[in-house]
């Protein structure tokens, strides 16, 4: 399993922590569930793109989305 850091404002983090506590879940498990839902909802987009375009072109498109994690602060996660 990989580790990912996200930046979230303090108020949202506190609210998530309260909700997680009420539901008896960890904040990480809630975020993981939300990511799974998002991926499930958007898998069709990837299928449609892969039918029309080369998969390498799709990966190039996503490179820009991951640029924000390409920094010294998050470099530690590359070694895990």
PDB file of N, CA and C in Angstrom:
ATOM      1  N   UNK A   1       0.847  -1.169   0.000  1.00  0.00           N
ATOM      2  CA  UNK A   1       0.000   0.000   0.000  1.00  0.00           C
ATOM      3  C   UNK A   1       0.893   1.232   0.000  1.00  0.00           C
ATOM      4  N   UNK A   2       0.525   2.225  -0.772  1.00  0.00           N
ATOM      5  CA  UNK A   2       1.289   3.469  -0.858  1.00  0.00           C
ATOM      6  C   UNK A   2       0.777   4.484   0.152  1.00  0.00           C
ATOM      7  N   UNK A   3       1.627   5.459   0.430  1.00  0.00           N
ATOM      8  CA  UNK A   3       1.266   6.561   1.311  1.00  0.00           C
ATOM      9  C   UNK A   3       1.177   7.815   0.466  1.00  0.00           C
ATOM     10  N   UNK A   4       0.140   8.634   0.719  1.00  0.00           N
ATOM     11  CA  UNK A   4      -0.034   9.874  -0.018  1.00  0.00           C
ATOM     12  C   UNK A   4      -0.356  10.974   0.982  1.00  0.00           C
ATOM     13  N   UNK A   5       0.289  12.102   0.844  1.00  0.00           N
ATOM     14  CA  UNK A   5      -0.050  13.225   1.713  1.00  0.00           C
ATOM     15  C   UNK A   5      -0.950  14.176   0.938  1.00  0.00           C
ATOM     16  N   UNK A   6      -1.916  14.747   1.642  1.00  0.00           N
ATOM     17  CA  UNK A   6      -2.793  15.733   1.015  1.00  0.00           C
ATOM     18  C   UNK A   6      -2.820  16.972   1.895  1.00  0.00           C
ATOM     19  N   UNK A   7      -3.065  18.095   1.276  1.00  0.00           N
ATOM     20  CA  UNK A   7      -3.191  19.337   2.019  1.00  0.00           C
ATOM     21  C   UNK A   7      -4.677  19.672   2.112  1.00  0.00           C
ATOM     22  N   UNK A   8      -5.125  19.955   3.320  1.00  0.00           N
ATOM     23  CA  UNK A   8      -6.526  20.266   3.558  1.00  0.00           C
ATOM     24  C   UNK A   8      -6.561  21.354   4.627  1.00  0.00           C
ATOM     25  N   UNK A   9      -7.497  22.302   4.487  1.00  0.00           N
ATOM     26  CA  UNK A   9      -7.505  23.374   5.487  1.00  0.00           C
ATOM     27  C   UNK A   9      -7.934  22.826   6.846  1.00  0.00           C
ATOM     28  N   UNK A  10      -7.556  23.540   7.883  1.00  0.00           N
ATOM     29  CA  UNK A  10      -7.755  23.052   9.253  1.00  0.00           C
ATOM     30  C   UNK A  10      -9.216  22.788   9.596  1.00  0.00           C
ATOM     31  N   UNK A  11     -10.116  23.671   9.144  1.00  0.00           N
ATOM     32  CA  UNK A  11     -11.536  23.478   9.462  1.00  0.00           C
ATOM     33  C   UNK A  11     -12.079  22.191   8.853  1.00  0.00           C
ATOM     34  N   UNK A  12     -11.710  21.922   7.615  1.00  0.00           N
ATOM     35  CA  UNK A  12     -12.176  20.689   6.969  1.00  0.00           C
ATOM     36  C   UNK A  12     -11.594  19.463   7.660  1.00  0.00           C
ATOM     37  N   UNK A  13     -10.338  19.538   8.062  1.00  0.00           N
ATOM     38  CA  UNK A  13      -9.701  18.419   8.762  1.00  0.00           C
ATOM     39  C   UNK A  13     -10.400  18.140  10.082  1.00  0.00           C
ATOM     40  N   UNK A  14     -10.696  19.202  10.831  1.00  0.00           N
ATOM     41  CA  UNK A  14     -11.382  19.034  12.114  1.00  0.00           C
ATOM     42  C   UNK A  14     -12.773  18.436  11.917  1.00  0.00           C
ATOM     43  N   UNK A  15     -13.486  18.909  10.902  1.00  0.00           N
ATOM     44  CA  UNK A  15     -14.818  18.381  10.616  1.00  0.00           C
ATOM     45  C   UNK A  15     -14.740  16.915  10.231  1.00  0.00           C
ATOM     46  N   UNK A  16     -13.778  16.567   9.383  1.00  0.00           N
ATOM     47  CA  UNK A  16     -13.598  15.170   8.990  1.00  0.00           C
ATOM     48  C   UNK A  16     -13.283  14.305  10.205  1.00  0.00           C
ATOM     49  N   UNK A  17     -12.470  14.821  11.100  1.00  0.00           N
ATOM     50  CA  UNK A  17     -12.105  14.068  12.304  1.00  0.00           C
ATOM     51  C   UNK A  17     -13.333  13.802  13.175  1.00  0.00           C
ATOM     52  N   UNK A  18     -14.208  14.790  13.311  1.00  0.00           N
ATOM     53  CA  UNK A  18     -15.437  14.617  14.094  1.00  0.00           C
ATOM     54  C   UNK A  18     -16.332  13.572  13.448  1.00  0.00           C
ATOM     55  N   UNK A  19     -16.524  13.683  12.133  1.00  0.00           N
ATOM     56  CA  UNK A  19     -17.374  12.723  11.417  1.00  0.00           C
ATOM     57  C   UNK A  19     -16.802  11.315  11.542  1.00  0.00           C
ATOM     58  N   UNK A  20     -15.501  11.188  11.361  1.00  0.00           N
ATOM     59  CA  UNK A  20     -14.859   9.875  11.470  1.00  0.00           C
ATOM     60  C   UNK A  20     -15.073   9.287  12.859  1.00  0.00           C
ATOM     61  N   UNK A  21     -14.947  10.115  13.866  1.00  0.00           N
ATOM     62  CA  UNK A  21     -15.137   9.653  15.241  1.00  0.00           C
ATOM     63  C   UNK A  21     -16.568   9.178  15.467  1.00  0.00           C
ATOM     64  N   UNK A  22     -17.526   9.941  14.980  1.00  0.00           N
ATOM     65  CA  UNK A  22     -18.937   9.574  15.126  1.00  0.00           C
ATOM     66  C   UNK A  22     -19.224   8.251  14.427  1.00  0.00           C
ATOM     67  N   UNK A  23     -18.627   8.069  13.247  1.00  0.00           N
ATOM     68  CA  UNK A  23     -18.867   6.851  12.462  1.00  0.00           C
ATOM     69  C   UNK A  23     -17.983   5.685  12.897  1.00  0.00           C
ATOM     70  N   UNK A  24     -17.060   5.928  13.819  1.00  0.00           N
ATOM     71  CA  UNK A  24     -16.164   4.865  14.259  1.00  0.00           C
ATOM     72  C   UNK A  24     -15.168   4.450  13.192  1.00  0.00           C
ATOM     73  N   UNK A  25     -14.774   5.399  12.362  1.00  0.00           N
ATOM     74  CA  UNK A  25     -13.823   5.139  11.282  1.00  0.00           C
ATOM     75  C   UNK A  25     -12.610   6.037  11.462  1.00  0.00           C
ATOM     76  N   UNK A  26     -11.556   5.714  10.729  1.00  0.00           N
ATOM     77  CA  UNK A  26     -10.401   6.609  10.700  1.00  0.00           C
ATOM     78  C   UNK A  26     -10.603   7.618   9.571  1.00  0.00           C
ATOM     79  N   UNK A  27      -9.917   8.744   9.680  1.00  0.00           N
ATOM     80  CA  UNK A  27      -9.994   9.725   8.600  1.00  0.00           C
ATOM     81  C   UNK A  27      -9.454   9.118   7.310  1.00  0.00           C
ATOM     82  N   UNK A  28      -8.392   8.328   7.438  1.00  0.00           N
ATOM     83  CA  UNK A  28      -7.802   7.682   6.265  1.00  0.00           C
ATOM     84  C   UNK A  28      -8.766   6.746   5.568  1.00  0.00           C
ATOM     85  N   UNK A  29      -9.569   6.012   6.349  1.00  0.00           N
ATOM     86  CA  UNK A  29     -10.510   5.079   5.722  1.00  0.00           C
ATOM     87  C   UNK A  29     -11.617   5.831   4.990  1.00  0.00           C
ATOM     88  N   UNK A  30     -12.034   6.976   5.532  1.00  0.00           N
ATOM     89  CA  UNK A  30     -13.049   7.783   4.846  1.00  0.00           C
ATOM     90  C   UNK A  30     -12.489   8.324   3.539  1.00  0.00           C
ATOM     91  N   UNK A  31     -11.276   8.862   3.587  1.00  0.00           N
ATOM     92  CA  UNK A  31     -10.650   9.384   2.369  1.00  0.00           C
ATOM     93  C   UNK A  31     -10.468   8.263   1.353  1.00  0.00           C
ATOM     94  N   UNK A  32     -10.057   7.091   1.807  1.00  0.00           N
ATOM     95  CA  UNK A  32      -9.878   5.946   0.916  1.00  0.00           C
ATOM     96  C   UNK A  32     -11.196   5.559   0.244  1.00  0.00           C
ATOM     97  N   UNK A  33     -12.286   5.543   1.012  1.00  0.00           N
ATOM     98  CA  UNK A  33     -13.606   5.237   0.445  1.00  0.00           C
ATOM     99  C   UNK A  33     -13.998   6.262  -0.614  1.00  0.00           C
ATOM    100  N   UNK A  34     -13.754   7.533  -0.317  1.00  0.00           N
ATOM    101  CA  UNK A  34     -14.096   8.587  -1.273  1.00  0.00           C
ATOM    102  C   UNK A  34     -13.283   8.455  -2.556  1.00  0.00           C
ATOM    103  N   UNK A  35     -12.020   8.100  -2.428  1.00  0.00           N
ATOM    104  CA  UNK A  35     -11.175   7.900  -3.609  1.00  0.00           C
ATOM    105  C   UNK A  35     -11.676   6.715  -4.423  1.00  0.00           C
ATOM    106  N   UNK A  36     -12.029   5.621  -3.748  1.00  0.00           N
ATOM    107  CA  UNK A  36     -12.570   4.452  -4.448  1.00  0.00           C
ATOM    108  C   UNK A  36     -13.834   4.816  -5.214  1.00  0.00           C
ATOM    109  N   UNK A  37     -14.724   5.584  -4.582  1.00  0.00           N
ATOM    110  CA  UNK A  37     -15.956   6.012  -5.248  1.00  0.00           C
ATOM    111  C   UNK A  37     -15.645   6.873  -6.467  1.00  0.00           C
ATOM    112  N   UNK A  38     -14.704   7.804  -6.313  1.00  0.00           N
ATOM    113  CA  UNK A  38     -14.332   8.695  -7.409  1.00  0.00           C
ATOM    114  C   UNK A  38     -13.763   7.907  -8.588  1.00  0.00           C
ATOM    115  N   UNK A  39     -12.901   6.955  -8.284  1.00  0.00           N
ATOM    116  CA  UNK A  39     -12.315   6.123  -9.336  1.00  0.00           C
ATOM    117  C   UNK A  39     -13.397   5.316 -10.040  1.00  0.00           C
ATOM    118  N   UNK A  40     -14.290   4.713  -9.275  1.00  0.00           N
ATOM    119  CA  UNK A  40     -15.376   3.919  -9.866  1.00  0.00           C
ATOM    120  C   UNK A  40     -16.238   4.763 -10.791  1.00  0.00           C
ATOM    121  N   UNK A  41     -16.531   5.988 -10.353  1.00  0.00           N
ATOM    122  CA  UNK A  41     -17.371   6.876 -11.155  1.00  0.00           C
ATOM    123  C   UNK A  41     -16.670   7.345 -12.425  1.00  0.00           C
ATOM    124  N   UNK A  42     -15.353   7.359 -12.437  1.00  0.00           N
ATOM    125  CA  UNK A  42     -14.618   7.932 -13.563  1.00  0.00           C
ATOM    126  C   UNK A  42     -13.864   6.918 -14.414  1.00  0.00           C
ATOM    127  N   UNK A  43     -13.962   5.633 -14.098  1.00  0.00           N
ATOM    128  CA  UNK A  43     -13.253   4.614 -14.887  1.00  0.00           C
ATOM    129  C   UNK A  43     -13.684   4.620 -16.348  1.00  0.00           C
ATOM    130  N   UNK A  44     -14.944   4.920 -16.588  1.00  0.00           N
ATOM    131  CA  UNK A  44     -15.443   4.928 -17.961  1.00  0.00           C
ATOM    132  C   UNK A  44     -14.692   5.959 -18.807  1.00  0.00           C
ATOM    133  N   UNK A  45     -14.326   7.083 -18.216  1.00  0.00           N
ATOM    134  CA  UNK A  45     -13.571   8.103 -18.951  1.00  0.00           C
ATOM    135  C   UNK A  45     -12.247   7.529 -19.453  1.00  0.00           C
ATOM    136  N   UNK A  46     -11.582   6.763 -18.597  1.00  0.00           N
ATOM    137  CA  UNK A  46     -10.301   6.165 -18.978  1.00  0.00           C
ATOM    138  C   UNK A  46     -10.514   5.156 -20.099  1.00  0.00           C
ATOM    139  N   UNK A  47     -11.563   4.343 -19.980  1.00  0.00           N
ATOM    140  CA  UNK A  47     -11.848   3.361 -21.035  1.00  0.00           C
ATOM    141  C   UNK A  47     -12.095   4.051 -22.370  1.00  0.00           C
ATOM    142  N   UNK A  48     -12.904   5.103 -22.341  1.00  0.00           N
ATOM    143  CA  UNK A  48     -13.217   5.821 -23.578  1.00  0.00           C
ATOM    144  C   UNK A  48     -11.968   6.443 -24.185  1.00  0.00           C
ATOM    145  N   UNK A  49     -11.137   7.039 -23.352  1.00  0.00           N
ATOM    146  CA  UNK A  49      -9.904   7.633 -23.855  1.00  0.00           C
ATOM    147  C   UNK A  49      -8.960   6.578 -24.417  1.00  0.00           C
ATOM    148  N   UNK A  50      -8.862   5.447 -23.734  1.00  0.00           N
ATOM    149  CA  UNK A  50      -7.935   4.414 -24.188  1.00  0.00           C
ATOM    150  C   UNK A  50      -8.389   3.797 -25.503  1.00  0.00           C
ATOM    151  N   UNK A  51      -9.690   3.823 -25.775  1.00  0.00           N
ATOM    152  CA  UNK A  51     -10.182   3.316 -27.054  1.00  0.00           C
ATOM    153  C   UNK A  51      -9.831   4.272 -28.188  1.00  0.00           C
ATOM    154  N   UNK A  52      -9.766   5.570 -27.876  1.00  0.00           N
ATOM    155  CA  UNK A  52      -9.517   6.574 -28.907  1.00  0.00           C
ATOM    156  C   UNK A  52      -8.046   6.941 -29.047  1.00  0.00           C
ATOM    157  N   UNK A  53      -7.307   6.832 -27.958  1.00  0.00           N
ATOM    158  CA  UNK A  53      -5.935   7.325 -27.971  1.00  0.00           C
ATOM    159  C   UNK A  53      -4.973   6.286 -27.411  1.00  0.00           C
ATOM    160  N   UNK A  54      -3.742   6.488 -27.690  1.00  0.00           N
ATOM    161  CA  UNK A  54      -2.687   5.640 -27.161  1.00  0.00           C
ATOM    162  C   UNK A  54      -2.600   5.829 -25.646  1.00  0.00           C
ATOM    163  N   UNK A  55      -2.427   4.745 -24.907  1.00  0.00           N
ATOM    164  CA  UNK A  55      -2.354   4.814 -23.448  1.00  0.00           C
ATOM    165  C   UNK A  55      -1.212   5.711 -22.982  1.00  0.00           C
ATOM    166  N   UNK A  56      -0.117   5.747 -23.717  1.00  0.00           N
ATOM    167  CA  UNK A  56       0.997   6.634 -23.355  1.00  0.00           C
ATOM    168  C   UNK A  56       0.574   8.094 -23.396  1.00  0.00           C
ATOM    169  N   UNK A  57      -0.282   8.442 -24.352  1.00  0.00           N
ATOM    170  CA  UNK A  57      -0.783   9.812 -24.427  1.00  0.00           C
ATOM    171  C   UNK A  57      -1.639  10.142 -23.209  1.00  0.00           C
ATOM    172  N   UNK A  58      -2.409   9.168 -22.749  1.00  0.00           N
ATOM    173  CA  UNK A  58      -3.236   9.371 -21.559  1.00  0.00           C
ATOM    174  C   UNK A  58      -2.349   9.612 -20.345  1.00  0.00           C
ATOM    175  N   UNK A  59      -1.290   8.833 -20.215  1.00  0.00           N
ATOM    176  CA  UNK A  59      -0.388   8.995 -19.079  1.00  0.00           C
ATOM    177  C   UNK A  59       0.298  10.360 -19.126  1.00  0.00           C
ATOM    178  N   UNK A  60       0.611  10.845 -20.313  1.00  0.00           N
ATOM    179  CA  UNK A  60       1.208  12.173 -20.441  1.00  0.00           C
ATOM    180  C   UNK A  60       0.233  13.241 -19.960  1.00  0.00           C
ATOM    181  N   UNK A  61      -1.062  13.044 -20.241  1.00  0.00           N
ATOM    182  CA  UNK A  61      -2.072  13.996 -19.802  1.00  0.00           C
ATOM    183  C   UNK A  61      -2.122  14.060 -18.278  1.00  0.00           C
ATOM    184  N   UNK A  62      -1.959  12.933 -17.611  1.00  0.00           N
ATOM    185  CA  UNK A  62      -2.046  12.911 -16.146  1.00  0.00           C
ATOM    186  C   UNK A  62      -0.780  13.439 -15.488  1.00  0.00           C
ATOM    187  N   UNK A  63       0.306  13.516 -16.234  1.00  0.00           N
ATOM    188  CA  UNK A  63       1.577  13.971 -15.661  1.00  0.00           C
ATOM    189  C   UNK A  63       1.430  15.353 -15.030  1.00  0.00           C
ATOM    190  N   UNK A  64       0.704  16.236 -15.673  1.00  0.00           N
ATOM    191  CA  UNK A  64       0.505  17.587 -15.148  1.00  0.00           C
ATOM    192  C   UNK A  64      -0.253  17.561 -13.825  1.00  0.00           C
ATOM    193  N   UNK A  65      -1.203  16.642 -13.691  1.00  0.00           N
ATOM    194  CA  UNK A  65      -1.980  16.543 -12.452  1.00  0.00           C
ATOM    195  C   UNK A  65      -1.107  16.148 -11.271  1.00  0.00           C
ATOM    196  N   UNK A  66      -0.046  15.402 -11.525  1.00  0.00           N
ATOM    197  CA  UNK A  66       0.821  14.943 -10.446  1.00  0.00           C
ATOM    198  C   UNK A  66       2.002  15.877 -10.194  1.00  0.00           C
ATOM    199  N   UNK A  67       2.118  16.925 -10.979  1.00  0.00           N
ATOM    200  CA  UNK A  67       3.242  17.852 -10.845  1.00  0.00           C
ATOM    201  C   UNK A  67       3.309  18.462  -9.441  1.00  0.00           C
ATOM    202  N   UNK A  68       2.143  18.707  -8.803  1.00  0.00           N
ATOM    203  CA  UNK A  68       2.148  19.326  -7.480  1.00  0.00           C
ATOM    204  C   UNK A  68       2.828  18.448  -6.436  1.00  0.00           C
ATOM    205  N   UNK A  69       2.908  17.129  -6.660  1.00  0.00           N
ATOM    206  CA  UNK A  69       3.563  16.236  -5.709  1.00  0.00           C
ATOM    207  C   UNK A  69       5.043  16.063  -6.014  1.00  0.00           C
ATOM    208  N   UNK A  70       5.493  16.691  -7.073  1.00  0.00           N
ATOM    209  CA  UNK A  70       6.898  16.594  -7.441  1.00  0.00           C
ATOM    210  C   UNK A  70       7.657  17.728  -6.758  1.00  0.00           C
ATOM    211  N   UNK A  71       7.885  17.557  -5.460  1.00  0.00           N
ATOM    212  CA  UNK A  71       8.589  18.584  -4.702  1.00  0.00           C
ATOM    213  C   UNK A  71       9.421  17.923  -3.607  1.00  0.00           C
ATOM    214  N   UNK A  72      10.331  18.696  -3.053  1.00  0.00           N
ATOM    215  CA  UNK A  72      11.243  18.160  -2.033  1.00  0.00           C
ATOM    216  C   UNK A  72      10.498  17.686  -0.790  1.00  0.00           C
ATOM    217  N   UNK A  73       9.440  18.394  -0.412  1.00  0.00           N
ATOM    218  CA  UNK A  73       8.695  18.051   0.804  1.00  0.00           C
ATOM    219  C   UNK A  73       8.093  16.649   0.723  1.00  0.00           C
ATOM    220  N   UNK A  74       7.570  16.282  -0.433  1.00  0.00           N
ATOM    221  CA  UNK A  74       6.931  14.977  -0.597  1.00  0.00           C
ATOM    222  C   UNK A  74       7.881  13.906  -1.120  1.00  0.00           C
ATOM    223  N   UNK A  75       9.131  14.256  -1.343  1.00  0.00           N
ATOM    224  CA  UNK A  75      10.124  13.311  -1.864  1.00  0.00           C
ATOM    225  C   UNK A  75      10.295  12.103  -0.947  1.00  0.00           C
ATOM    226  N   UNK A  76      10.088  12.301   0.355  1.00  0.00           N
ATOM    227  CA  UNK A  76      10.261  11.215   1.321  1.00  0.00           C
ATOM    228  C   UNK A  76       9.349  10.028   0.996  1.00  0.00           C
ATOM    229  N   UNK A  77       8.175  10.289   0.415  1.00  0.00           N
ATOM    230  CA  UNK A  77       7.237   9.209   0.110  1.00  0.00           C
ATOM    231  C   UNK A  77       7.707   8.334  -1.051  1.00  0.00           C
ATOM    232  N   UNK A  78       8.600   8.845  -1.879  1.00  0.00           N
ATOM    233  CA  UNK A  78       9.128   8.045  -2.984  1.00  0.00           C
ATOM    234  C   UNK A  78      10.014   6.909  -2.491  1.00  0.00           C
ATOM    235  N   UNK A  79      10.492   7.017  -1.252  1.00  0.00           N
ATOM    236  CA  UNK A  79      11.417   6.024  -0.710  1.00  0.00           C
ATOM    237  C   UNK A  79      10.723   4.970   0.133  1.00  0.00           C
ATOM    238  N   UNK A  80       9.408   5.102   0.320  1.00  0.00           N
ATOM    239  CA  UNK A  80       8.673   4.136   1.148  1.00  0.00           C
ATOM    240  C   UNK A  80       8.375   2.871   0.391  1.00  0.00           C
TER     241      UNK A  80
END
